[in-house]
């Protein structure tokens, strides 16, 4: 019986660090939100562990809309409310 108690106590001490690491992962589950403006639009970028997964665009005087990743891996974004709308993913010309 004494050996069983020692094994249970050793198992308890072995699982405590795992529970602490799991609690740390839960605290990092909240997304990082970066807010900036471009012209008359307010743009909020949502990142999870540095991965940009959604963009909320709020134009002045218009309803906000979300851009989300089309396939989850590369930088192809689609509008969540109009998934058939094409969003350009590169610049051809730029004036400054």
PDB file of N, CA and C in Angstrom:
ATOM      1  N   UNK A   1       0.811  -1.190   0.000  1.00  0.00           N
ATOM      2  CA  UNK A   1       0.000   0.000   0.000  1.00  0.00           C
ATOM      3  C   UNK A   1       0.861   1.263   0.000  1.00  0.00           C
ATOM      4  N   UNK A   2       1.954   1.211   0.701  1.00  0.00           N
ATOM      5  CA  UNK A   2       2.849   2.352   0.777  1.00  0.00           C
ATOM      6  C   UNK A   2       3.467   2.639  -0.594  1.00  0.00           C
ATOM      7  N   UNK A   3       3.778   1.586  -1.341  1.00  0.00           N
ATOM      8  CA  UNK A   3       4.350   1.746  -2.680  1.00  0.00           C
ATOM      9  C   UNK A   3       3.330   2.392  -3.613  1.00  0.00           C
ATOM     10  N   UNK A   4       2.077   1.997  -3.484  1.00  0.00           N
ATOM     11  CA  UNK A   4       1.021   2.570  -4.309  1.00  0.00           C
ATOM     12  C   UNK A   4       0.850   4.066  -4.019  1.00  0.00           C
ATOM     13  N   UNK A   5       0.895   4.446  -2.763  1.00  0.00           N
ATOM     14  CA  UNK A   5       0.793   5.863  -2.403  1.00  0.00           C
ATOM     15  C   UNK A   5       1.956   6.664  -2.982  1.00  0.00           C
ATOM     16  N   UNK A   6       3.142   6.104  -2.938  1.00  0.00           N
ATOM     17  CA  UNK A   6       4.302   6.801  -3.489  1.00  0.00           C
ATOM     18  C   UNK A   6       4.186   6.957  -5.003  1.00  0.00           C
ATOM     19  N   UNK A   7       3.694   5.920  -5.672  1.00  0.00           N
ATOM     20  CA  UNK A   7       3.509   6.004  -7.121  1.00  0.00           C
ATOM     21  C   UNK A   7       2.454   7.047  -7.481  1.00  0.00           C
ATOM     22  N   UNK A   8       1.377   7.089  -6.737  1.00  0.00           N
ATOM     23  CA  UNK A   8       0.340   8.088  -6.991  1.00  0.00           C
ATOM     24  C   UNK A   8       0.873   9.500  -6.744  1.00  0.00           C
ATOM     25  N   UNK A   9       1.648   9.681  -5.694  1.00  0.00           N
ATOM     26  CA  UNK A   9       2.229  10.978  -5.396  1.00  0.00           C
ATOM     27  C   UNK A   9       3.229  11.390  -6.480  1.00  0.00           C
ATOM     28  N   UNK A  10       4.043  10.453  -6.948  1.00  0.00           N
ATOM     29  CA  UNK A  10       5.001  10.739  -8.020  1.00  0.00           C
ATOM     30  C   UNK A  10       4.264  11.094  -9.314  1.00  0.00           C
ATOM     31  N   UNK A  11       3.173  10.401  -9.602  1.00  0.00           N
ATOM     32  CA  UNK A  11       2.377  10.711 -10.795  1.00  0.00           C
ATOM     33  C   UNK A  11       1.744  12.086 -10.711  1.00  0.00           C
ATOM     34  N   UNK A  12       1.315  12.450  -9.517  1.00  0.00           N
ATOM     35  CA  UNK A  12       0.738  13.778  -9.319  1.00  0.00           C
ATOM     36  C   UNK A  12       1.779  14.865  -9.569  1.00  0.00           C
ATOM     37  N   UNK A  13       2.971  14.682  -9.024  1.00  0.00           N
ATOM     38  CA  UNK A  13       4.033  15.662  -9.244  1.00  0.00           C
ATOM     39  C   UNK A  13       4.474  15.712 -10.703  1.00  0.00           C
ATOM     40  N   UNK A  14       4.359  14.615 -11.408  1.00  0.00           N
ATOM     41  CA  UNK A  14       4.756  14.590 -12.822  1.00  0.00           C
ATOM     42  C   UNK A  14       3.745  15.330 -13.698  1.00  0.00           C
ATOM     43  N   UNK A  15       2.476  15.351 -13.323  1.00  0.00           N
ATOM     44  CA  UNK A  15       1.460  15.988 -14.162  1.00  0.00           C
ATOM     45  C   UNK A  15       1.269  17.467 -13.871  1.00  0.00           C
ATOM     46  N   UNK A  16       1.752  17.972 -12.754  1.00  0.00           N
ATOM     47  CA  UNK A  16       1.584  19.387 -12.417  1.00  0.00           C
ATOM     48  C   UNK A  16       2.242  20.298 -13.456  1.00  0.00           C
ATOM     49  N   UNK A  17       3.487  20.045 -13.909  1.00  0.00           N
ATOM     50  CA  UNK A  17       4.057  20.927 -14.947  1.00  0.00           C
ATOM     51  C   UNK A  17       3.247  20.925 -16.238  1.00  0.00           C
ATOM     52  N   UNK A  18       2.650  19.807 -16.599  1.00  0.00           N
ATOM     53  CA  UNK A  18       1.824  19.754 -17.807  1.00  0.00           C
ATOM     54  C   UNK A  18       0.591  20.632 -17.661  1.00  0.00           C
ATOM     55  N   UNK A  19      -0.013  20.639 -16.486  1.00  0.00           N
ATOM     56  CA  UNK A  19      -1.183  21.484 -16.254  1.00  0.00           C
ATOM     57  C   UNK A  19      -0.813  22.962 -16.316  1.00  0.00           C
ATOM     58  N   UNK A  20       0.361  23.319 -15.821  1.00  0.00           N
ATOM     59  CA  UNK A  20       0.808  24.711 -15.868  1.00  0.00           C
ATOM     60  C   UNK A  20       1.053  25.132 -17.308  1.00  0.00           C
ATOM     61  N   UNK A  21       1.670  24.279 -18.120  1.00  0.00           N
ATOM     62  CA  UNK A  21       1.903  24.603 -19.530  1.00  0.00           C
ATOM     63  C   UNK A  21       0.587  24.725 -20.278  1.00  0.00           C
ATOM     64  N   UNK A  22      -0.394  23.892 -19.982  1.00  0.00           N
ATOM     65  CA  UNK A  22      -1.702  23.987 -20.631  1.00  0.00           C
ATOM     66  C   UNK A  22      -2.387  25.294 -20.262  1.00  0.00           C
ATOM     67  N   UNK A  23      -2.241  25.748 -19.035  1.00  0.00           N
ATOM     68  CA  UNK A  23      -2.832  27.020 -18.618  1.00  0.00           C
ATOM     69  C   UNK A  23      -2.171  28.181 -19.349  1.00  0.00           C
ATOM     70  N   UNK A  24      -0.858  28.102 -19.628  1.00  0.00           N
ATOM     71  CA  UNK A  24      -0.177  29.141 -20.391  1.00  0.00           C
ATOM     72  C   UNK A  24      -0.704  29.206 -21.814  1.00  0.00           C
ATOM     73  N   UNK A  25      -0.995  28.058 -22.431  1.00  0.00           N
ATOM     74  CA  UNK A  25      -1.519  28.037 -23.793  1.00  0.00           C
ATOM     75  C   UNK A  25      -2.897  28.675 -23.864  1.00  0.00           C
ATOM     76  N   UNK A  26      -3.700  28.511 -22.853  1.00  0.00           N
ATOM     77  CA  UNK A  26      -5.041  29.101 -22.840  1.00  0.00           C
ATOM     78  C   UNK A  26      -4.941  30.625 -22.799  1.00  0.00           C
ATOM     79  N   UNK A  27      -3.990  31.154 -22.053  1.00  0.00           N
ATOM     80  CA  UNK A  27      -3.869  32.599 -21.967  1.00  0.00           C
ATOM     81  C   UNK A  27      -3.397  33.209 -23.282  1.00  0.00           C
ATOM     82  N   UNK A  28      -2.709  32.463 -24.124  1.00  0.00           N
ATOM     83  CA  UNK A  28      -2.240  32.955 -25.414  1.00  0.00           C
ATOM     84  C   UNK A  28      -3.284  32.753 -26.514  1.00  0.00           C
ATOM     85  N   UNK A  29      -4.458  32.242 -26.162  1.00  0.00           N
ATOM     86  CA  UNK A  29      -5.471  31.945 -27.166  1.00  0.00           C
ATOM     87  C   UNK A  29      -6.165  33.205 -27.679  1.00  0.00           C
ATOM     88  N   UNK A  30      -6.043  34.326 -26.985  1.00  0.00           N
ATOM     89  CA  UNK A  30      -6.681  35.552 -27.454  1.00  0.00           C
ATOM     90  C   UNK A  30      -5.902  36.126 -28.629  1.00  0.00           C
ATOM     91  N   UNK A  31      -6.604  36.606 -29.652  1.00  0.00           N
ATOM     92  CA  UNK A  31      -5.905  37.153 -30.818  1.00  0.00           C
ATOM     93  C   UNK A  31      -5.263  38.505 -30.524  1.00  0.00           C
ATOM     94  N   UNK A  32      -4.210  38.805 -31.269  1.00  0.00           N
ATOM     95  CA  UNK A  32      -3.591  40.120 -31.213  1.00  0.00           C
ATOM     96  C   UNK A  32      -4.277  40.970 -32.271  1.00  0.00           C
ATOM     97  N   UNK A  33      -4.732  42.161 -31.898  1.00  0.00           N
ATOM     98  CA  UNK A  33      -5.429  43.039 -32.824  1.00  0.00           C
ATOM     99  C   UNK A  33      -4.598  44.295 -33.037  1.00  0.00           C
ATOM    100  N   UNK A  34      -4.271  44.575 -34.309  1.00  0.00           N
ATOM    101  CA  UNK A  34      -3.548  45.776 -34.681  1.00  0.00           C
ATOM    102  C   UNK A  34      -4.516  46.694 -35.420  1.00  0.00           C
ATOM    103  N   UNK A  35      -4.632  47.946 -34.966  1.00  0.00           N
ATOM    104  CA  UNK A  35      -5.566  48.892 -35.564  1.00  0.00           C
ATOM    105  C   UNK A  35      -4.783  50.027 -36.203  1.00  0.00           C
ATOM    106  N   UNK A  36      -5.085  50.314 -37.476  1.00  0.00           N
ATOM    107  CA  UNK A  36      -4.493  51.465 -38.161  1.00  0.00           C
ATOM    108  C   UNK A  36      -5.494  52.011 -39.172  1.00  0.00           C
ATOM    109  N   UNK A  37      -5.213  53.202 -39.686  1.00  0.00           N
ATOM    110  CA  UNK A  37      -6.112  53.819 -40.655  1.00  0.00           C
ATOM    111  C   UNK A  37      -5.410  53.976 -41.993  1.00  0.00           C
ATOM    112  N   UNK A  38      -6.194  53.848 -43.052  1.00  0.00           N
ATOM    113  CA  UNK A  38      -5.739  54.097 -44.427  1.00  0.00           C
ATOM    114  C   UNK A  38      -6.799  54.969 -45.079  1.00  0.00           C
ATOM    115  N   UNK A  39      -6.480  56.230 -45.241  1.00  0.00           N
ATOM    116  CA  UNK A  39      -7.466  57.160 -45.801  1.00  0.00           C
ATOM    117  C   UNK A  39      -8.632  57.324 -44.866  1.00  0.00           C
ATOM    118  N   UNK A  40      -9.845  56.993 -45.341  1.00  0.00           N
ATOM    119  CA  UNK A  40     -11.027  57.111 -44.495  1.00  0.00           C
ATOM    120  C   UNK A  40     -11.478  55.754 -43.954  1.00  0.00           C
ATOM    121  N   UNK A  41     -10.596  54.762 -43.966  1.00  0.00           N
ATOM    122  CA  UNK A  41     -10.925  53.419 -43.479  1.00  0.00           C
ATOM    123  C   UNK A  41     -10.144  53.115 -42.201  1.00  0.00           C
ATOM    124  N   UNK A  42     -10.803  52.431 -41.282  1.00  0.00           N
ATOM    125  CA  UNK A  42     -10.136  51.897 -40.093  1.00  0.00           C
ATOM    126  C   UNK A  42      -9.950  50.406 -40.323  1.00  0.00           C
ATOM    127  N   UNK A  43      -8.724  49.932 -40.191  1.00  0.00           N
ATOM    128  CA  UNK A  43      -8.401  48.531 -40.473  1.00  0.00           C
ATOM    129  C   UNK A  43      -7.909  47.869 -39.195  1.00  0.00           C
ATOM    130  N   UNK A  44      -8.530  46.729 -38.865  1.00  0.00           N
ATOM    131  CA  UNK A  44      -8.134  45.938 -37.706  1.00  0.00           C
ATOM    132  C   UNK A  44      -7.615  44.595 -38.214  1.00  0.00           C
ATOM    133  N   UNK A  45      -6.371  44.276 -37.882  1.00  0.00           N
ATOM    134  CA  UNK A  45      -5.766  43.010 -38.297  1.00  0.00           C
ATOM    135  C   UNK A  45      -5.748  42.058 -37.110  1.00  0.00           C
ATOM    136  N   UNK A  46      -6.274  40.862 -37.309  1.00  0.00           N
ATOM    137  CA  UNK A  46      -6.351  39.853 -36.257  1.00  0.00           C
ATOM    138  C   UNK A  46      -5.289  38.798 -36.505  1.00  0.00           C
ATOM    139  N   UNK A  47      -4.411  38.587 -35.499  1.00  0.00           N
ATOM    140  CA  UNK A  47      -3.328  37.612 -35.603  1.00  0.00           C
ATOM    141  C   UNK A  47      -3.397  36.629 -34.445  1.00  0.00           C
ATOM    142  N   UNK A  48      -3.074  35.390 -34.739  1.00  0.00           N
ATOM    143  CA  UNK A  48      -2.971  34.339 -33.730  1.00  0.00           C
ATOM    144  C   UNK A  48      -1.574  33.746 -33.847  1.00  0.00           C
ATOM    145  N   UNK A  49      -0.754  33.923 -32.832  1.00  0.00           N
ATOM    146  CA  UNK A  49       0.644  33.468 -32.848  1.00  0.00           C
ATOM    147  C   UNK A  49       1.395  34.018 -34.049  1.00  0.00           C
ATOM    148  N   UNK A  50       1.150  35.271 -34.399  1.00  0.00           N
ATOM    149  CA  UNK A  50       1.830  35.927 -35.508  1.00  0.00           C
ATOM    150  C   UNK A  50       1.235  35.643 -36.875  1.00  0.00           C
ATOM    151  N   UNK A  51       0.224  34.792 -36.983  1.00  0.00           N
ATOM    152  CA  UNK A  51      -0.401  34.419 -38.254  1.00  0.00           C
ATOM    153  C   UNK A  51      -1.617  35.311 -38.494  1.00  0.00           C
ATOM    154  N   UNK A  52      -1.581  36.105 -39.567  1.00  0.00           N
ATOM    155  CA  UNK A  52      -2.697  36.978 -39.918  1.00  0.00           C
ATOM    156  C   UNK A  52      -3.819  36.131 -40.506  1.00  0.00           C
ATOM    157  N   UNK A  53      -4.975  36.097 -39.816  1.00  0.00           N
ATOM    158  CA  UNK A  53      -6.056  35.244 -40.290  1.00  0.00           C
ATOM    159  C   UNK A  53      -7.313  36.019 -40.678  1.00  0.00           C
ATOM    160  N   UNK A  54      -7.442  37.277 -40.264  1.00  0.00           N
ATOM    161  CA  UNK A  54      -8.634  38.049 -40.636  1.00  0.00           C
ATOM    162  C   UNK A  54      -8.319  39.532 -40.572  1.00  0.00           C
ATOM    163  N   UNK A  55      -9.043  40.303 -41.394  1.00  0.00           N
ATOM    164  CA  UNK A  55      -8.920  41.751 -41.423  1.00  0.00           C
ATOM    165  C   UNK A  55     -10.329  42.326 -41.410  1.00  0.00           C
ATOM    166  N   UNK A  56     -10.576  43.252 -40.490  1.00  0.00           N
ATOM    167  CA  UNK A  56     -11.865  43.948 -40.446  1.00  0.00           C
ATOM    168  C   UNK A  56     -11.646  45.347 -40.987  1.00  0.00           C
ATOM    169  N   UNK A  57     -12.404  45.699 -42.030  1.00  0.00           N
ATOM    170  CA  UNK A  57     -12.310  47.013 -42.658  1.00  0.00           C
ATOM    171  C   UNK A  57     -13.595  47.770 -42.348  1.00  0.00           C
ATOM    172  N   UNK A  58     -13.438  48.974 -41.771  1.00  0.00           N
ATOM    173  CA  UNK A  58     -14.584  49.811 -41.457  1.00  0.00           C
ATOM    174  C   UNK A  58     -14.457  51.118 -42.231  1.00  0.00           C
ATOM    175  N   UNK A  59     -15.105  51.217 -43.416  1.00  0.00           N
ATOM    176  CA  UNK A  59     -15.067  52.465 -44.174  1.00  0.00           C
ATOM    177  C   UNK A  59     -15.934  53.526 -43.496  1.00  0.00           C
ATOM    178  N   UNK A  60     -15.553  54.797 -43.673  1.00  0.00           N
ATOM    179  CA  UNK A  60     -16.335  55.887 -43.089  1.00  0.00           C
ATOM    180  C   UNK A  60     -17.675  55.978 -43.811  1.00  0.00           C
ATOM    181  N   UNK A  61     -18.755  55.915 -43.049  1.00  0.00           N
ATOM    182  CA  UNK A  61     -20.087  56.036 -43.618  1.00  0.00           C
ATOM    183  C   UNK A  61     -20.608  54.771 -44.286  1.00  0.00           C
ATOM    184  N   UNK A  62     -19.966  53.626 -44.064  1.00  0.00           N
ATOM    185  CA  UNK A  62     -20.419  52.367 -44.666  1.00  0.00           C
ATOM    186  C   UNK A  62     -20.305  51.253 -43.626  1.00  0.00           C
ATOM    187  N   UNK A  63     -21.022  50.160 -43.823  1.00  0.00           N
ATOM    188  CA  UNK A  63     -20.930  49.067 -42.851  1.00  0.00           C
ATOM    189  C   UNK A  63     -19.571  48.358 -42.935  1.00  0.00           C
ATOM    190  N   UNK A  64     -19.075  47.847 -41.818  1.00  0.00           N
ATOM    191  CA  UNK A  64     -17.794  47.134 -41.840  1.00  0.00           C
ATOM    192  C   UNK A  64     -17.920  45.775 -42.531  1.00  0.00           C
ATOM    193  N   UNK A  65     -16.796  45.272 -43.004  1.00  0.00           N
ATOM    194  CA  UNK A  65     -16.757  43.941 -43.599  1.00  0.00           C
ATOM    195  C   UNK A  65     -15.446  43.269 -43.217  1.00  0.00           C
ATOM    196  N   UNK A  66     -15.426  41.937 -43.302  1.00  0.00           N
ATOM    197  CA  UNK A  66     -14.253  41.152 -42.943  1.00  0.00           C
ATOM    198  C   UNK A  66     -13.616  40.544 -44.183  1.00  0.00           C
ATOM    199  N   UNK A  67     -12.292  40.526 -44.205  1.00  0.00           N
ATOM    200  CA  UNK A  67     -11.529  39.771 -45.184  1.00  0.00           C
ATOM    201  C   UNK A  67     -10.918  38.591 -44.434  1.00  0.00           C
ATOM    202  N   UNK A  68     -11.145  37.388 -44.940  1.00  0.00           N
ATOM    203  CA  UNK A  68     -10.611  36.185 -44.308  1.00  0.00           C
ATOM    204  C   UNK A  68      -9.783  35.414 -45.327  1.00  0.00           C
ATOM    205  N   UNK A  69      -8.927  34.548 -44.852  1.00  0.00           N
ATOM    206  CA  UNK A  69      -8.075  33.758 -45.743  1.00  0.00           C
ATOM    207  C   UNK A  69      -8.926  32.807 -46.576  1.00  0.00           C
ATOM    208  N   UNK A  70      -8.622  32.749 -47.861  1.00  0.00           N
ATOM    209  CA  UNK A  70      -9.401  31.901 -48.768  1.00  0.00           C
ATOM    210  C   UNK A  70      -9.164  30.419 -48.489  1.00  0.00           C
ATOM    211  N   UNK A  71      -7.907  30.042 -48.288  1.00  0.00           N
ATOM    212  CA  UNK A  71      -7.603  28.629 -48.071  1.00  0.00           C
ATOM    213  C   UNK A  71      -6.858  28.372 -46.770  1.00  0.00           C
ATOM    214  N   UNK A  72      -6.576  29.405 -46.012  1.00  0.00           N
ATOM    215  CA  UNK A  72      -5.945  29.231 -44.719  1.00  0.00           C
ATOM    216  C   UNK A  72      -4.437  29.193 -44.718  1.00  0.00           C
ATOM    217  N   UNK A  73      -3.789  29.224 -45.901  1.00  0.00           N
ATOM    218  CA  UNK A  73      -2.339  29.115 -45.899  1.00  0.00           C
ATOM    219  C   UNK A  73      -1.626  30.330 -46.464  1.00  0.00           C
ATOM    220  N   UNK A  74      -2.026  30.807 -47.634  1.00  0.00           N
ATOM    221  CA  UNK A  74      -1.297  31.929 -48.235  1.00  0.00           C
ATOM    222  C   UNK A  74      -2.078  33.223 -48.071  1.00  0.00           C
ATOM    223  N   UNK A  75      -1.650  34.267 -48.736  1.00  0.00           N
ATOM    224  CA  UNK A  75      -2.219  35.596 -48.518  1.00  0.00           C
ATOM    225  C   UNK A  75      -3.415  35.906 -49.408  1.00  0.00           C
ATOM    226  N   UNK A  76      -4.143  34.919 -49.878  1.00  0.00           N
ATOM    227  CA  UNK A  76      -5.349  35.163 -50.665  1.00  0.00           C
ATOM    228  C   UNK A  76      -6.518  35.400 -49.720  1.00  0.00           C
ATOM    229  N   UNK A  77      -7.051  36.624 -49.750  1.00  0.00           N
ATOM    230  CA  UNK A  77      -8.162  36.976 -48.874  1.00  0.00           C
ATOM    231  C   UNK A  77      -9.442  37.096 -49.687  1.00  0.00           C
ATOM    232  N   UNK A  78     -10.570  36.742 -49.058  1.00  0.00           N
ATOM    233  CA  UNK A  78     -11.888  36.913 -49.657  1.00  0.00           C
ATOM    234  C   UNK A  78     -12.774  37.639 -48.648  1.00  0.00           C
ATOM    235  N   UNK A  79     -13.800  38.302 -49.154  1.00  0.00           N
ATOM    236  CA  UNK A  79     -14.764  38.935 -48.248  1.00  0.00           C
ATOM    237  C   UNK A  79     -15.660  37.859 -47.669  1.00  0.00           C
ATOM    238  N   UNK A  80     -15.870  37.913 -46.382  1.00  0.00           N
ATOM    239  CA  UNK A  80     -16.677  36.884 -45.741  1.00  0.00           C
ATOM    240  C   UNK A  80     -18.146  36.983 -46.130  1.00  0.00           C
ATOM    241  N   UNK A  81     -18.624  38.198 -46.450  1.00  0.00           N
ATOM    242  CA  UNK A  81     -20.023  38.345 -46.837  1.00  0.00           C
ATOM    243  C   UNK A  81     -20.247  38.178 -48.337  1.00  0.00           C
ATOM    244  N   UNK A  82     -19.181  38.285 -49.156  1.00  0.00           N
ATOM    245  CA  UNK A  82     -19.270  38.093 -50.607  1.00  0.00           C
ATOM    246  C   UNK A  82     -18.084  37.238 -51.062  1.00  0.00           C
ATOM    247  N   UNK A  83     -18.127  35.930 -50.861  1.00  0.00           N
ATOM    248  CA  UNK A  83     -16.960  35.089 -51.139  1.00  0.00           C
ATOM    249  C   UNK A  83     -16.579  34.998 -52.615  1.00  0.00           C
ATOM    250  N   UNK A  84     -17.477  35.378 -53.535  1.00  0.00           N
ATOM    251  CA  UNK A  84     -17.146  35.315 -54.959  1.00  0.00           C
ATOM    252  C   UNK A  84     -16.422  36.561 -55.460  1.00  0.00           C
ATOM    253  N   UNK A  85     -16.370  37.612 -54.643  1.00  0.00           N
ATOM    254  CA  UNK A  85     -15.702  38.843 -55.046  1.00  0.00           C
ATOM    255  C   UNK A  85     -14.184  38.624 -55.040  1.00  0.00           C
ATOM    256  N   UNK A  86     -13.518  39.023 -56.109  1.00  0.00           N
ATOM    257  CA  UNK A  86     -12.073  38.871 -56.196  1.00  0.00           C
ATOM    258  C   UNK A  86     -11.371  40.051 -55.533  1.00  0.00           C
ATOM    259  N   UNK A  87     -10.379  39.774 -54.714  1.00  0.00           N
ATOM    260  CA  UNK A  87      -9.592  40.791 -54.031  1.00  0.00           C
ATOM    261  C   UNK A  87      -8.185  40.748 -54.629  1.00  0.00           C
ATOM    262  N   UNK A  88      -7.665  41.869 -55.162  1.00  0.00           N
ATOM    263  CA  UNK A  88      -6.322  41.844 -55.727  1.00  0.00           C
ATOM    264  C   UNK A  88      -5.279  41.550 -54.653  1.00  0.00           C
ATOM    265  N   UNK A  89      -4.276  40.764 -55.017  1.00  0.00           N
ATOM    266  CA  UNK A  89      -3.272  40.385 -54.033  1.00  0.00           C
ATOM    267  C   UNK A  89      -1.879  40.914 -54.360  1.00  0.00           C
ATOM    268  N   UNK A  90      -1.753  41.782 -55.360  1.00  0.00           N
ATOM    269  CA  UNK A  90      -0.453  42.371 -55.675  1.00  0.00           C
ATOM    270  C   UNK A  90      -0.673  43.750 -56.278  1.00  0.00           C
ATOM    271  N   UNK A  91       0.391  44.570 -56.284  1.00  0.00           N
ATOM    272  CA  UNK A  91       0.314  45.911 -56.851  1.00  0.00           C
ATOM    273  C   UNK A  91       0.952  45.900 -58.233  1.00  0.00           C
ATOM    274  N   UNK A  92       0.289  46.496 -59.203  1.00  0.00           N
ATOM    275  CA  UNK A  92       0.856  46.620 -60.530  1.00  0.00           C
ATOM    276  C   UNK A  92       1.581  47.955 -60.639  1.00  0.00           C
ATOM    277  N   UNK A  93       0.919  49.049 -60.229  1.00  0.00           N
ATOM    278  CA  UNK A  93       1.504  50.374 -60.224  1.00  0.00           C
ATOM    279  C   UNK A  93       1.252  51.034 -58.881  1.00  0.00           C
ATOM    280  N   UNK A  94       2.110  51.974 -58.520  1.00  0.00           N
ATOM    281  CA  UNK A  94       1.913  52.724 -57.304  1.00  0.00           C
ATOM    282  C   UNK A  94       2.446  54.140 -57.509  1.00  0.00           C
ATOM    283  N   UNK A  95       1.634  55.143 -57.135  1.00  0.00           N
ATOM    284  CA  UNK A  95       2.055  56.542 -57.252  1.00  0.00           C
ATOM    285  C   UNK A  95       2.239  57.109 -55.865  1.00  0.00           C
ATOM    286  N   UNK A  96       3.244  57.948 -55.719  1.00  0.00           N
ATOM    287  CA  UNK A  96       3.478  58.602 -54.416  1.00  0.00           C
ATOM    288  C   UNK A  96       3.732  60.047 -54.614  1.00  0.00           C
TER     289      UNK A  96
END
